[in-house]
Amino acid sequence: MTRIDAHHHLWDLSVRPQTWLDPPEMAPIRRDFALSDHASATAGTGIGRSVLVQVLGDAEETREFLALAARSQTIAAVVGWADLTRPDLADELAALAASPGGALLRGIRHLVQGESD
């Protein structure tokens, strides 16, 4: 039986800066995390697949993650981001589902911590 890591993140700080990593206490993880890092961290654990979860409120990041998942043998699914308040949300979700790797889109996460109450 293959174990699945149900929640992991990837990021390349040269492509998409992560301002939430700026505080000093985030220094231990203020670096790029690639799929190869996940493979190294899970080697020997029995984890063979993973669910890649969005990091930022950015639809382009979701498209990139879906395309990566389409090329990967280890990414089982993607939880992406979409602006759940947009009036054309159904169209945006259809576009994500139709994009390369879109069949692997399993959920949408809308971050609220950076939004006003």
PDB file of N, CA and C in Angstrom:
ATOM      1  N   MET A   1       0.842  -1.178   0.000  1.00  0.00           N
ATOM      2  CA  MET A   1       0.000   0.000   0.000  1.00  0.00           C
ATOM      3  C   MET A   1       0.888   1.242   0.000  1.00  0.00           C
ATOM      4  N   THR A   2       0.574   2.192  -0.855  1.00  0.00           N
ATOM      5  CA  THR A   2       1.313   3.445  -0.933  1.00  0.00           C
ATOM      6  C   THR A   2       0.746   4.441   0.069  1.00  0.00           C
ATOM      7  N   ARG A   3       1.607   5.037   0.834  1.00  0.00           N
ATOM      8  CA  ARG A   3       1.202   6.110   1.740  1.00  0.00           C
ATOM      9  C   ARG A   3       1.202   7.417   0.975  1.00  0.00           C
ATOM     10  N   ILE A   4       0.265   8.287   1.332  1.00  0.00           N
ATOM     11  CA  ILE A   4       0.150   9.592   0.674  1.00  0.00           C
ATOM     12  C   ILE A   4       0.347  10.694   1.696  1.00  0.00           C
ATOM     13  N   ASP A   5       1.282  11.581   1.408  1.00  0.00           N
ATOM     14  CA  ASP A   5       1.460  12.799   2.202  1.00  0.00           C
ATOM     15  C   ASP A   5       0.306  13.715   1.786  1.00  0.00           C
ATOM     16  N   ALA A   6      -0.590  13.991   2.698  1.00  0.00           N
ATOM     17  CA  ALA A   6      -1.833  14.691   2.360  1.00  0.00           C
ATOM     18  C   ALA A   6      -1.703  16.205   2.248  1.00  0.00           C
ATOM     19  N   HIS A   7      -0.521  16.757   2.514  1.00  0.00           N
ATOM     20  CA  HIS A   7      -0.401  18.226   2.462  1.00  0.00           C
ATOM     21  C   HIS A   7       1.071  18.609   2.426  1.00  0.00           C
ATOM     22  N   HIS A   8       1.523  19.046   1.262  1.00  0.00           N
ATOM     23  CA  HIS A   8       2.887  19.579   1.208  1.00  0.00           C
ATOM     24  C   HIS A   8       2.936  20.754   0.250  1.00  0.00           C
ATOM     25  N   HIS A   9       3.954  21.601   0.454  1.00  0.00           N
ATOM     26  CA  HIS A   9       4.117  22.820  -0.334  1.00  0.00           C
ATOM     27  C   HIS A   9       5.433  22.780  -1.094  1.00  0.00           C
ATOM     28  N   LEU A  10       5.461  23.496  -2.188  1.00  0.00           N
ATOM     29  CA  LEU A  10       6.674  23.743  -2.961  1.00  0.00           C
ATOM     30  C   LEU A  10       6.726  25.230  -3.247  1.00  0.00           C
ATOM     31  N   TRP A  11       7.946  25.782  -3.307  1.00  0.00           N
ATOM     32  CA  TRP A  11       8.084  27.157  -3.751  1.00  0.00           C
ATOM     33  C   TRP A  11       9.486  27.429  -4.225  1.00  0.00           C
ATOM     34  N   ASP A  12       9.557  28.350  -5.166  1.00  0.00           N
ATOM     35  CA  ASP A  12      10.819  28.839  -5.711  1.00  0.00           C
ATOM     36  C   ASP A  12      10.801  30.342  -5.472  1.00  0.00           C
ATOM     37  N   LEU A  13      11.598  30.804  -4.535  1.00  0.00           N
ATOM     38  CA  LEU A  13      11.565  32.208  -4.132  1.00  0.00           C
ATOM     39  C   LEU A  13      12.021  33.157  -5.234  1.00  0.00           C
ATOM     40  N   SER A  14      12.749  32.660  -6.214  1.00  0.00           N
ATOM     41  CA  SER A  14      13.160  33.532  -7.316  1.00  0.00           C
ATOM     42  C   SER A  14      12.014  33.744  -8.306  1.00  0.00           C
ATOM     43  N   VAL A  15      11.049  32.861  -8.308  1.00  0.00           N
ATOM     44  CA  VAL A  15       9.893  32.978  -9.203  1.00  0.00           C
ATOM     45  C   VAL A  15       8.756  33.719  -8.525  1.00  0.00           C
ATOM     46  N   ARG A  16       8.493  33.358  -7.271  1.00  0.00           N
ATOM     47  CA  ARG A  16       7.363  33.918  -6.550  1.00  0.00           C
ATOM     48  C   ARG A  16       7.783  34.174  -5.106  1.00  0.00           C
ATOM     49  N   PRO A  17       8.173  35.425  -4.790  1.00  0.00           N
ATOM     50  CA  PRO A  17       8.581  35.739  -3.416  1.00  0.00           C
ATOM     51  C   PRO A  17       7.459  35.425  -2.417  1.00  0.00           C
ATOM     52  N   GLN A  18       7.858  35.045  -1.228  1.00  0.00           N
ATOM     53  CA  GLN A  18       6.911  34.680  -0.165  1.00  0.00           C
ATOM     54  C   GLN A  18       7.138  35.630   1.012  1.00  0.00           C
ATOM     55  N   THR A  19       6.412  36.717   1.061  1.00  0.00           N
ATOM     56  CA  THR A  19       6.648  37.716   2.112  1.00  0.00           C
ATOM     57  C   THR A  19       6.374  37.172   3.510  1.00  0.00           C
ATOM     58  N   TRP A  20       5.570  36.135   3.616  1.00  0.00           N
ATOM     59  CA  TRP A  20       5.304  35.539   4.924  1.00  0.00           C
ATOM     60  C   TRP A  20       6.551  34.861   5.498  1.00  0.00           C
ATOM     61  N   LEU A  21       7.567  34.650   4.653  1.00  0.00           N
ATOM     62  CA  LEU A  21       8.827  34.068   5.114  1.00  0.00           C
ATOM     63  C   LEU A  21       9.826  35.121   5.599  1.00  0.00           C
ATOM     64  N   ASP A  22       9.465  36.389   5.510  1.00  0.00           N
ATOM     65  CA  ASP A  22      10.389  37.464   5.871  1.00  0.00           C
ATOM     66  C   ASP A  22      10.710  37.579   7.365  1.00  0.00           C
ATOM     67  N   PRO A  23       9.788  37.333   8.271  1.00  0.00           N
ATOM     68  CA  PRO A  23      10.133  37.485   9.696  1.00  0.00           C
ATOM     69  C   PRO A  23      11.283  36.564  10.109  1.00  0.00           C
ATOM     70  N   PRO A  24      12.091  37.005  11.053  1.00  0.00           N
ATOM     71  CA  PRO A  24      13.260  36.227  11.473  1.00  0.00           C
ATOM     72  C   PRO A  24      12.938  34.797  11.904  1.00  0.00           C
ATOM     73  N   GLU A  25      11.795  34.588  12.522  1.00  0.00           N
ATOM     74  CA  GLU A  25      11.462  33.243  13.001  1.00  0.00           C
ATOM     75  C   GLU A  25      11.198  32.258  11.859  1.00  0.00           C
ATOM     76  N   MET A  26      11.043  32.763  10.634  1.00  0.00           N
ATOM     77  CA  MET A  26      10.818  31.892   9.485  1.00  0.00           C
ATOM     78  C   MET A  26      12.118  31.509   8.785  1.00  0.00           C
ATOM     79  N   ALA A  27      13.247  31.992   9.284  1.00  0.00           N
ATOM     80  CA  ALA A  27      14.544  31.723   8.657  1.00  0.00           C
ATOM     81  C   ALA A  27      14.805  30.241   8.374  1.00  0.00           C
ATOM     82  N   PRO A  28      14.408  29.323   9.264  1.00  0.00           N
ATOM     83  CA  PRO A  28      14.702  27.908   8.982  1.00  0.00           C
ATOM     84  C   PRO A  28      14.073  27.366   7.695  1.00  0.00           C
ATOM     85  N   ILE A  29      12.995  27.985   7.228  1.00  0.00           N
ATOM     86  CA  ILE A  29      12.377  27.489   5.988  1.00  0.00           C
ATOM     87  C   ILE A  29      12.422  28.531   4.868  1.00  0.00           C
ATOM     88  N   ARG A  30      13.187  29.601   5.040  1.00  0.00           N
ATOM     89  CA  ARG A  30      13.301  30.635   4.018  1.00  0.00           C
ATOM     90  C   ARG A  30      14.309  30.193   2.951  1.00  0.00           C
ATOM     91  N   ARG A  31      13.860  29.255   2.132  1.00  0.00           N
ATOM     92  CA  ARG A  31      14.657  28.747   1.019  1.00  0.00           C
ATOM     93  C   ARG A  31      13.697  28.099   0.032  1.00  0.00           C
ATOM     94  N   ASP A  32      14.190  27.758  -1.125  1.00  0.00           N
ATOM     95  CA  ASP A  32      13.360  27.065  -2.109  1.00  0.00           C
ATOM     96  C   ASP A  32      13.047  25.649  -1.634  1.00  0.00           C
ATOM     97  N   PHE A  33      11.861  25.175  -1.964  1.00  0.00           N
ATOM     98  CA  PHE A  33      11.478  23.788  -1.728  1.00  0.00           C
ATOM     99  C   PHE A  33      10.976  23.228  -3.046  1.00  0.00           C
ATOM    100  N   ALA A  34      11.694  22.258  -3.576  1.00  0.00           N
ATOM    101  CA  ALA A  34      11.363  21.622  -4.855  1.00  0.00           C
ATOM    102  C   ALA A  34      10.824  20.218  -4.615  1.00  0.00           C
ATOM    103  N   LEU A  35      10.309  19.631  -5.660  1.00  0.00           N
ATOM    104  CA  LEU A  35       9.805  18.264  -5.558  1.00  0.00           C
ATOM    105  C   LEU A  35      10.907  17.310  -5.107  1.00  0.00           C
ATOM    106  N   SER A  36      12.144  17.570  -5.504  1.00  0.00           N
ATOM    107  CA  SER A  36      13.261  16.721  -5.070  1.00  0.00           C
ATOM    108  C   SER A  36      13.481  16.818  -3.559  1.00  0.00           C
ATOM    109  N   ASP A  37      13.198  17.975  -2.952  1.00  0.00           N
ATOM    110  CA  ASP A  37      13.300  18.109  -1.499  1.00  0.00           C
ATOM    111  C   ASP A  37      12.256  17.234  -0.809  1.00  0.00           C
ATOM    112  N   HIS A  38      11.073  17.208  -1.375  1.00  0.00           N
ATOM    113  CA  HIS A  38      10.017  16.359  -0.810  1.00  0.00           C
ATOM    114  C   HIS A  38      10.420  14.889  -0.919  1.00  0.00           C
ATOM    115  N   ALA A  39      10.972  14.507  -2.052  1.00  0.00           N
ATOM    116  CA  ALA A  39      11.411  13.114  -2.242  1.00  0.00           C
ATOM    117  C   ALA A  39      12.491  12.747  -1.225  1.00  0.00           C
ATOM    118  N   SER A  40      13.433  13.641  -0.985  1.00  0.00           N
ATOM    119  CA  SER A  40      14.490  13.376   0.002  1.00  0.00           C
ATOM    120  C   SER A  40      13.920  13.263   1.409  1.00  0.00           C
ATOM    121  N   ALA A  41      12.978  14.141   1.746  1.00  0.00           N
ATOM    122  CA  ALA A  41      12.406  14.143   3.089  1.00  0.00           C
ATOM    123  C   ALA A  41      11.551  12.908   3.365  1.00  0.00           C
ATOM    124  N   THR A  42      10.985  12.339   2.316  1.00  0.00           N
ATOM    125  CA  THR A  42      10.092  11.190   2.518  1.00  0.00           C
ATOM    126  C   THR A  42      10.747   9.851   2.180  1.00  0.00           C
ATOM    127  N   ALA A  43      11.990   9.877   1.731  1.00  0.00           N
ATOM    128  CA  ALA A  43      12.691   8.631   1.386  1.00  0.00           C
ATOM    129  C   ALA A  43      12.709   7.687   2.581  1.00  0.00           C
ATOM    130  N   GLY A  44      12.359   6.448   2.315  1.00  0.00           N
ATOM    131  CA  GLY A  44      12.376   5.436   3.343  1.00  0.00           C
ATOM    132  C   GLY A  44      11.188   5.441   4.287  1.00  0.00           C
ATOM    133  N   THR A  45      10.220   6.308   4.042  1.00  0.00           N
ATOM    134  CA  THR A  45       9.053   6.403   4.928  1.00  0.00           C
ATOM    135  C   THR A  45       7.856   5.618   4.419  1.00  0.00           C
ATOM    136  N   GLY A  46       7.939   5.156   3.170  1.00  0.00           N
ATOM    137  CA  GLY A  46       6.789   4.494   2.566  1.00  0.00           C
ATOM    138  C   GLY A  46       5.842   5.455   1.875  1.00  0.00           C
ATOM    139  N   ILE A  47       6.131   6.751   1.968  1.00  0.00           N
ATOM    140  CA  ILE A  47       5.295   7.743   1.280  1.00  0.00           C
ATOM    141  C   ILE A  47       5.698   7.753  -0.185  1.00  0.00           C
ATOM    142  N   GLY A  48       4.735   7.452  -1.031  1.00  0.00           N
ATOM    143  CA  GLY A  48       5.023   7.374  -2.453  1.00  0.00           C
ATOM    144  C   GLY A  48       4.349   8.441  -3.289  1.00  0.00           C
ATOM    145  N   ARG A  49       3.341   9.087  -2.717  1.00  0.00           N
ATOM    146  CA  ARG A  49       2.617  10.127  -3.444  1.00  0.00           C
ATOM    147  C   ARG A  49       2.295  11.255  -2.481  1.00  0.00           C
ATOM    148  N   SER A  50       1.826  12.367  -3.034  1.00  0.00           N
ATOM    149  CA  SER A  50       1.534  13.518  -2.186  1.00  0.00           C
ATOM    150  C   SER A  50       0.420  14.361  -2.781  1.00  0.00           C
ATOM    151  N   VAL A  51      -0.125  15.215  -1.919  1.00  0.00           N
ATOM    152  CA  VAL A  51      -1.096  16.225  -2.343  1.00  0.00           C
ATOM    153  C   VAL A  51      -0.381  17.563  -2.238  1.00  0.00           C
ATOM    154  N   LEU A  52      -0.193  18.212  -3.367  1.00  0.00           N
ATOM    155  CA  LEU A  52       0.477  19.506  -3.427  1.00  0.00           C
ATOM    156  C   LEU A  52      -0.557  20.594  -3.156  1.00  0.00           C
ATOM    157  N   VAL A  53      -0.286  21.420  -2.146  1.00  0.00           N
ATOM    158  CA  VAL A  53      -1.227  22.448  -1.715  1.00  0.00           C
ATOM    159  C   VAL A  53      -0.658  23.822  -2.016  1.00  0.00           C
ATOM    160  N   GLN A  54      -1.515  24.691  -2.525  1.00  0.00           N
ATOM    161  CA  GLN A  54      -1.099  26.045  -2.876  1.00  0.00           C
ATOM    162  C   GLN A  54      -0.495  26.748  -1.678  1.00  0.00           C
ATOM    163  N   VAL A  55       0.327  27.760  -1.996  1.00  0.00           N
ATOM    164  CA  VAL A  55       0.997  28.537  -0.967  1.00  0.00           C
ATOM    165  C   VAL A  55       0.444  29.951  -0.931  1.00  0.00           C
ATOM    166  N   LEU A  56       0.245  30.536  -2.091  1.00  0.00           N
ATOM    167  CA  LEU A  56      -0.189  31.927  -2.211  1.00  0.00           C
ATOM    168  C   LEU A  56      -1.566  32.028  -2.847  1.00  0.00           C
ATOM    169  N   GLY A  57      -2.194  33.161  -2.637  1.00  0.00           N
ATOM    170  CA  GLY A  57      -3.448  33.462  -3.326  1.00  0.00           C
ATOM    171  C   GLY A  57      -3.132  33.934  -4.727  1.00  0.00           C
ATOM    172  N   ASP A  58      -2.830  32.989  -5.607  1.00  0.00           N
ATOM    173  CA  ASP A  58      -2.340  33.314  -6.950  1.00  0.00           C
ATOM    174  C   ASP A  58      -2.760  32.202  -7.907  1.00  0.00           C
ATOM    175  N   ALA A  59      -3.673  32.513  -8.819  1.00  0.00           N
ATOM    176  CA  ALA A  59      -4.170  31.498  -9.753  1.00  0.00           C
ATOM    177  C   ALA A  59      -3.063  30.966 -10.660  1.00  0.00           C
ATOM    178  N   GLU A  60      -2.074  31.792 -10.959  1.00  0.00           N
ATOM    179  CA  GLU A  60      -0.975  31.321 -11.806  1.00  0.00           C
ATOM    180  C   GLU A  60      -0.163  30.238 -11.097  1.00  0.00           C
ATOM    181  N   GLU A  61       0.015  30.377  -9.786  1.00  0.00           N
ATOM    182  CA  GLU A  61       0.695  29.331  -9.029  1.00  0.00           C
ATOM    183  C   GLU A  61      -0.081  28.015  -9.155  1.00  0.00           C
ATOM    184  N   THR A  62      -1.401  28.094  -9.064  1.00  0.00           N
ATOM    185  CA  THR A  62      -2.223  26.885  -9.193  1.00  0.00           C
ATOM    186  C   THR A  62      -2.029  26.251 -10.561  1.00  0.00           C
ATOM    187  N   ARG A  63      -2.014  27.058 -11.606  1.00  0.00           N
ATOM    188  CA  ARG A  63      -1.788  26.514 -12.960  1.00  0.00           C
ATOM    189  C   ARG A  63      -0.417  25.843 -13.064  1.00  0.00           C
ATOM    190  N   GLU A  64       0.595  26.471 -12.482  1.00  0.00           N
ATOM    191  CA  GLU A  64       1.939  25.883 -12.500  1.00  0.00           C
ATOM    192  C   GLU A  64       1.972  24.564 -11.732  1.00  0.00           C
ATOM    193  N   PHE A  65       1.298  24.506 -10.595  1.00  0.00           N
ATOM    194  CA  PHE A  65       1.268  23.273  -9.810  1.00  0.00           C
ATOM    195  C   PHE A  65       0.533  22.165 -10.557  1.00  0.00           C
ATOM    196  N   LEU A  66      -0.549  22.506 -11.237  1.00  0.00           N
ATOM    197  CA  LEU A  66      -1.278  21.502 -12.018  1.00  0.00           C
ATOM    198  C   LEU A  66      -0.398  20.958 -13.146  1.00  0.00           C
ATOM    199  N   ALA A  67       0.323  21.843 -13.828  1.00  0.00           N
ATOM    200  CA  ALA A  67       1.211  21.402 -14.906  1.00  0.00           C
ATOM    201  C   ALA A  67       2.328  20.512 -14.354  1.00  0.00           C
ATOM    202  N   LEU A  68       2.875  20.875 -13.204  1.00  0.00           N
ATOM    203  CA  LEU A  68       3.898  20.044 -12.561  1.00  0.00           C
ATOM    204  C   LEU A  68       3.315  18.676 -12.207  1.00  0.00           C
ATOM    205  N   ALA A  69       2.126  18.664 -11.659  1.00  0.00           N
ATOM    206  CA  ALA A  69       1.483  17.405 -11.286  1.00  0.00           C
ATOM    207  C   ALA A  69       1.263  16.512 -12.500  1.00  0.00           C
ATOM    208  N   ALA A  70       0.953  17.111 -13.636  1.00  0.00           N
ATOM    209  CA  ALA A  70       0.727  16.332 -14.856  1.00  0.00           C
ATOM    210  C   ALA A  70       2.005  15.616 -15.296  1.00  0.00           C
ATOM    211  N   ARG A  71       3.158  16.191 -14.968  1.00  0.00           N
ATOM    212  CA  ARG A  71       4.444  15.605 -15.356  1.00  0.00           C
ATOM    213  C   ARG A  71       5.039  14.710 -14.274  1.00  0.00           C
ATOM    214  N   SER A  72       4.438  14.691 -13.115  1.00  0.00           N
ATOM    215  CA  SER A  72       5.018  14.003 -11.957  1.00  0.00           C
ATOM    216  C   SER A  72       4.357  12.653 -11.711  1.00  0.00           C
ATOM    217  N   GLN A  73       5.167  11.707 -11.283  1.00  0.00           N
ATOM    218  CA  GLN A  73       4.636  10.404 -10.874  1.00  0.00           C
ATOM    219  C   GLN A  73       4.261  10.403  -9.392  1.00  0.00           C
ATOM    220  N   THR A  74       4.653  11.440  -8.661  1.00  0.00           N
ATOM    221  CA  THR A  74       4.434  11.428  -7.212  1.00  0.00           C
ATOM    222  C   THR A  74       3.304  12.328  -6.737  1.00  0.00           C
ATOM    223  N   ILE A  75       2.944  13.337  -7.513  1.00  0.00           N
ATOM    224  CA  ILE A  75       1.861  14.224  -7.079  1.00  0.00           C
ATOM    225  C   ILE A  75       0.524  13.580  -7.450  1.00  0.00           C
ATOM    226  N   ALA A  76      -0.221  13.202  -6.440  1.00  0.00           N
ATOM    227  CA  ALA A  76      -1.498  12.521  -6.646  1.00  0.00           C
ATOM    228  C   ALA A  76      -2.642  13.498  -6.884  1.00  0.00           C
ATOM    229  N   ALA A  77      -2.519  14.711  -6.339  1.00  0.00           N
ATOM    230  CA  ALA A  77      -3.591  15.695  -6.445  1.00  0.00           C
ATOM    231  C   ALA A  77      -3.043  17.070  -6.104  1.00  0.00           C
ATOM    232  N   VAL A  78      -3.816  18.098  -6.477  1.00  0.00           N
ATOM    233  CA  VAL A  78      -3.462  19.481  -6.181  1.00  0.00           C
ATOM    234  C   VAL A  78      -4.657  20.153  -5.510  1.00  0.00           C
ATOM    235  N   VAL A  79      -4.382  20.874  -4.437  1.00  0.00           N
ATOM    236  CA  VAL A  79      -5.354  21.788  -3.849  1.00  0.00           C
ATOM    237  C   VAL A  79      -4.862  23.171  -4.233  1.00  0.00           C
ATOM    238  N   GLY A  80      -5.633  23.862  -5.042  1.00  0.00           N
ATOM    239  CA  GLY A  80      -5.209  25.143  -5.586  1.00  0.00           C
ATOM    240  C   GLY A  80      -5.889  26.321  -4.936  1.00  0.00           C
ATOM    241  N   TRP A  81      -5.737  27.452  -5.576  1.00  0.00           N
ATOM    242  CA  TRP A  81      -6.345  28.691  -5.095  1.00  0.00           C
ATOM    243  C   TRP A  81      -7.205  29.279  -6.191  1.00  0.00           C
ATOM    244  N   ALA A  82      -8.307  29.857  -5.779  1.00  0.00           N
ATOM    245  CA  ALA A  82      -9.143  30.681  -6.653  1.00  0.00           C
ATOM    246  C   ALA A  82      -9.829  31.704  -5.759  1.00  0.00           C
ATOM    247  N   ASP A  83     -10.082  32.854  -6.318  1.00  0.00           N
ATOM    248  CA  ASP A  83     -10.788  33.899  -5.581  1.00  0.00           C
ATOM    249  C   ASP A  83     -12.258  33.506  -5.514  1.00  0.00           C
ATOM    250  N   LEU A  84     -12.689  33.046  -4.360  1.00  0.00           N
ATOM    251  CA  LEU A  84     -14.054  32.557  -4.209  1.00  0.00           C
ATOM    252  C   LEU A  84     -15.094  33.662  -4.228  1.00  0.00           C
ATOM    253  N   THR A  85     -14.644  34.923  -4.246  1.00  0.00           N
ATOM    254  CA  THR A  85     -15.589  36.038  -4.280  1.00  0.00           C
ATOM    255  C   THR A  85     -15.829  36.567  -5.692  1.00  0.00           C
ATOM    256  N   ARG A  86     -15.092  36.076  -6.669  1.00  0.00           N
ATOM    257  CA  ARG A  86     -15.233  36.621  -8.024  1.00  0.00           C
ATOM    258  C   ARG A  86     -16.560  36.163  -8.643  1.00  0.00           C
ATOM    259  N   PRO A  87     -17.216  37.038  -9.379  1.00  0.00           N
ATOM    260  CA  PRO A  87     -18.519  36.692  -9.948  1.00  0.00           C
ATOM    261  C   PRO A  87     -18.444  35.584 -11.007  1.00  0.00           C
ATOM    262  N   ASP A  88     -17.306  35.449 -11.649  1.00  0.00           N
ATOM    263  CA  ASP A  88     -17.156  34.420 -12.690  1.00  0.00           C
ATOM    264  C   ASP A  88     -16.381  33.208 -12.162  1.00  0.00           C
ATOM    265  N   LEU A  89     -16.569  32.879 -10.898  1.00  0.00           N
ATOM    266  CA  LEU A  89     -15.841  31.777 -10.274  1.00  0.00           C
ATOM    267  C   LEU A  89     -16.035  30.469 -11.036  1.00  0.00           C
ATOM    268  N   ALA A  90     -17.235  30.187 -11.473  1.00  0.00           N
ATOM    269  CA  ALA A  90     -17.477  28.927 -12.199  1.00  0.00           C
ATOM    270  C   ALA A  90     -16.611  28.854 -13.448  1.00  0.00           C
ATOM    271  N   ASP A  91     -16.460  29.969 -14.147  1.00  0.00           N
ATOM    272  CA  ASP A  91     -15.609  29.998 -15.341  1.00  0.00           C
ATOM    273  C   ASP A  91     -14.144  29.775 -14.981  1.00  0.00           C
ATOM    274  N   GLU A  92     -13.695  30.396 -13.884  1.00  0.00           N
ATOM    275  CA  GLU A  92     -12.302  30.236 -13.440  1.00  0.00           C
ATOM    276  C   GLU A  92     -12.027  28.783 -13.059  1.00  0.00           C
ATOM    277  N   LEU A  93     -12.942  28.157 -12.342  1.00  0.00           N
ATOM    278  CA  LEU A  93     -12.764  26.765 -11.959  1.00  0.00           C
ATOM    279  C   LEU A  93     -12.763  25.856 -13.185  1.00  0.00           C
ATOM    280  N   ALA A  94     -13.621  26.154 -14.150  1.00  0.00           N
ATOM    281  CA  ALA A  94     -13.644  25.369 -15.393  1.00  0.00           C
ATOM    282  C   ALA A  94     -12.329  25.529 -16.143  1.00  0.00           C
ATOM    283  N   ALA A  95     -11.774  26.743 -16.155  1.00  0.00           N
ATOM    284  CA  ALA A  95     -10.498  26.981 -16.839  1.00  0.00           C
ATOM    285  C   ALA A  95      -9.368  26.220 -16.145  1.00  0.00           C
ATOM    286  N   LEU A  96      -9.362  26.215 -14.834  1.00  0.00           N
ATOM    287  CA  LEU A  96      -8.333  25.455 -14.101  1.00  0.00           C
ATOM    288  C   LEU A  96      -8.472  23.963 -14.408  1.00  0.00           C
ATOM    289  N   ALA A  97      -9.693  23.462 -14.396  1.00  0.00           N
ATOM    290  CA  ALA A  97      -9.920  22.040 -14.670  1.00  0.00           C
ATOM    291  C   ALA A  97      -9.531  21.664 -16.091  1.00  0.00           C
ATOM    292  N   ALA A  98      -9.629  22.605 -17.018  1.00  0.00           N
ATOM    293  CA  ALA A  98      -9.295  22.339 -18.418  1.00  0.00           C
ATOM    294  C   ALA A  98      -7.817  22.554 -18.721  1.00  0.00           C
ATOM    295  N   SER A  99      -7.071  23.112 -17.782  1.00  0.00           N
ATOM    296  CA  SER A  99      -5.651  23.389 -18.019  1.00  0.00           C
ATOM    297  C   SER A  99      -4.842  22.100 -17.896  1.00  0.00           C
ATOM    298  N   PRO A 100      -3.584  22.107 -18.369  1.00  0.00           N
ATOM    299  CA  PRO A 100      -2.744  20.909 -18.215  1.00  0.00           C
ATOM    300  C   PRO A 100      -2.682  20.481 -16.753  1.00  0.00           C
ATOM    301  N   GLY A 101      -2.996  19.237 -16.491  1.00  0.00           N
ATOM    302  CA  GLY A 101      -3.019  18.714 -15.131  1.00  0.00           C
ATOM    303  C   GLY A 101      -4.311  18.997 -14.395  1.00  0.00           C
ATOM    304  N   GLY A 102      -5.240  19.667 -15.035  1.00  0.00           N
ATOM    305  CA  GLY A 102      -6.482  20.072 -14.379  1.00  0.00           C
ATOM    306  C   GLY A 102      -7.294  18.930 -13.810  1.00  0.00           C
ATOM    307  N   ALA A 103      -7.141  17.750 -14.358  1.00  0.00           N
ATOM    308  CA  ALA A 103      -7.863  16.592 -13.827  1.00  0.00           C
ATOM    309  C   ALA A 103      -7.391  16.227 -12.422  1.00  0.00           C
ATOM    310  N   LEU A 104      -6.239  16.759 -12.009  1.00  0.00           N
ATOM    311  CA  LEU A 104      -5.702  16.469 -10.678  1.00  0.00           C
ATOM    312  C   LEU A 104      -6.121  17.505  -9.634  1.00  0.00           C
ATOM    313  N   LEU A 105      -6.891  18.516 -10.042  1.00  0.00           N
ATOM    314  CA  LEU A 105      -7.377  19.523  -9.107  1.00  0.00           C
ATOM    315  C   LEU A 105      -8.453  18.891  -8.226  1.00  0.00           C
ATOM    316  N   ARG A 106      -8.206  18.857  -6.922  1.00  0.00           N
ATOM    317  CA  ARG A 106      -9.128  18.197  -6.001  1.00  0.00           C
ATOM    318  C   ARG A 106      -9.778  19.135  -5.006  1.00  0.00           C
ATOM    319  N   GLY A 107      -9.287  20.358  -4.935  1.00  0.00           N
ATOM    320  CA  GLY A 107      -9.876  21.292  -3.985  1.00  0.00           C
ATOM    321  C   GLY A 107      -9.354  22.691  -4.206  1.00  0.00           C
ATOM    322  N   ILE A 108     -10.040  23.648  -3.585  1.00  0.00           N
ATOM    323  CA  ILE A 108      -9.664  25.053  -3.644  1.00  0.00           C
ATOM    324  C   ILE A 108      -9.557  25.545  -2.211  1.00  0.00           C
ATOM    325  N   ARG A 109      -8.503  26.288  -1.960  1.00  0.00           N
ATOM    326  CA  ARG A 109      -8.269  26.863  -0.634  1.00  0.00           C
ATOM    327  C   ARG A 109      -8.154  28.363  -0.819  1.00  0.00           C
ATOM    328  N   HIS A 110      -9.000  29.105  -0.171  1.00  0.00           N
ATOM    329  CA  HIS A 110      -8.967  30.565  -0.250  1.00  0.00           C
ATOM    330  C   HIS A 110      -8.404  31.093   1.060  1.00  0.00           C
ATOM    331  N   LEU A 111      -7.194  31.619   0.997  1.00  0.00           N
ATOM    332  CA  LEU A 111      -6.545  32.146   2.203  1.00  0.00           C
ATOM    333  C   LEU A 111      -7.212  33.437   2.643  1.00  0.00           C
ATOM    334  N   VAL A 112      -7.444  33.583   3.930  1.00  0.00           N
ATOM    335  CA  VAL A 112      -8.095  34.780   4.441  1.00  0.00           C
ATOM    336  C   VAL A 112      -7.229  35.569   5.415  1.00  0.00           C
ATOM    337  N   GLN A 113      -6.086  35.015   5.826  1.00  0.00           N
ATOM    338  CA  GLN A 113      -5.307  35.694   6.861  1.00  0.00           C
ATOM    339  C   GLN A 113      -4.787  37.059   6.433  1.00  0.00           C
ATOM    340  N   GLY A 114      -4.621  37.307   5.146  1.00  0.00           N
ATOM    341  CA  GLY A 114      -4.135  38.600   4.684  1.00  0.00           C
ATOM    342  C   GLY A 114      -5.251  39.551   4.294  1.00  0.00           C
ATOM    343  N   GLU A 115      -6.497  39.163   4.496  1.00  0.00           N
ATOM    344  CA  GLU A 115      -7.641  39.988   4.099  1.00  0.00           C
ATOM    345  C   GLU A 115      -8.224  40.708   5.305  1.00  0.00           C
ATOM    346  N   SER A 116      -8.852  41.836   5.044  1.00  0.00           N
ATOM    347  CA  SER A 116      -9.492  42.568   6.140  1.00  0.00           C
ATOM    348  C   SER A 116     -10.751  41.819   6.571  1.00  0.00           C
ATOM    349  N   ASP A 117     -11.113  42.025   7.817  1.00  0.00           N
ATOM    350  CA  ASP A 117     -12.318  41.375   8.347  1.00  0.00           C
ATOM    351  C   ASP A 117     -13.557  41.983   7.716  1.00  0.00           C
TER     352      ASP A 117
END
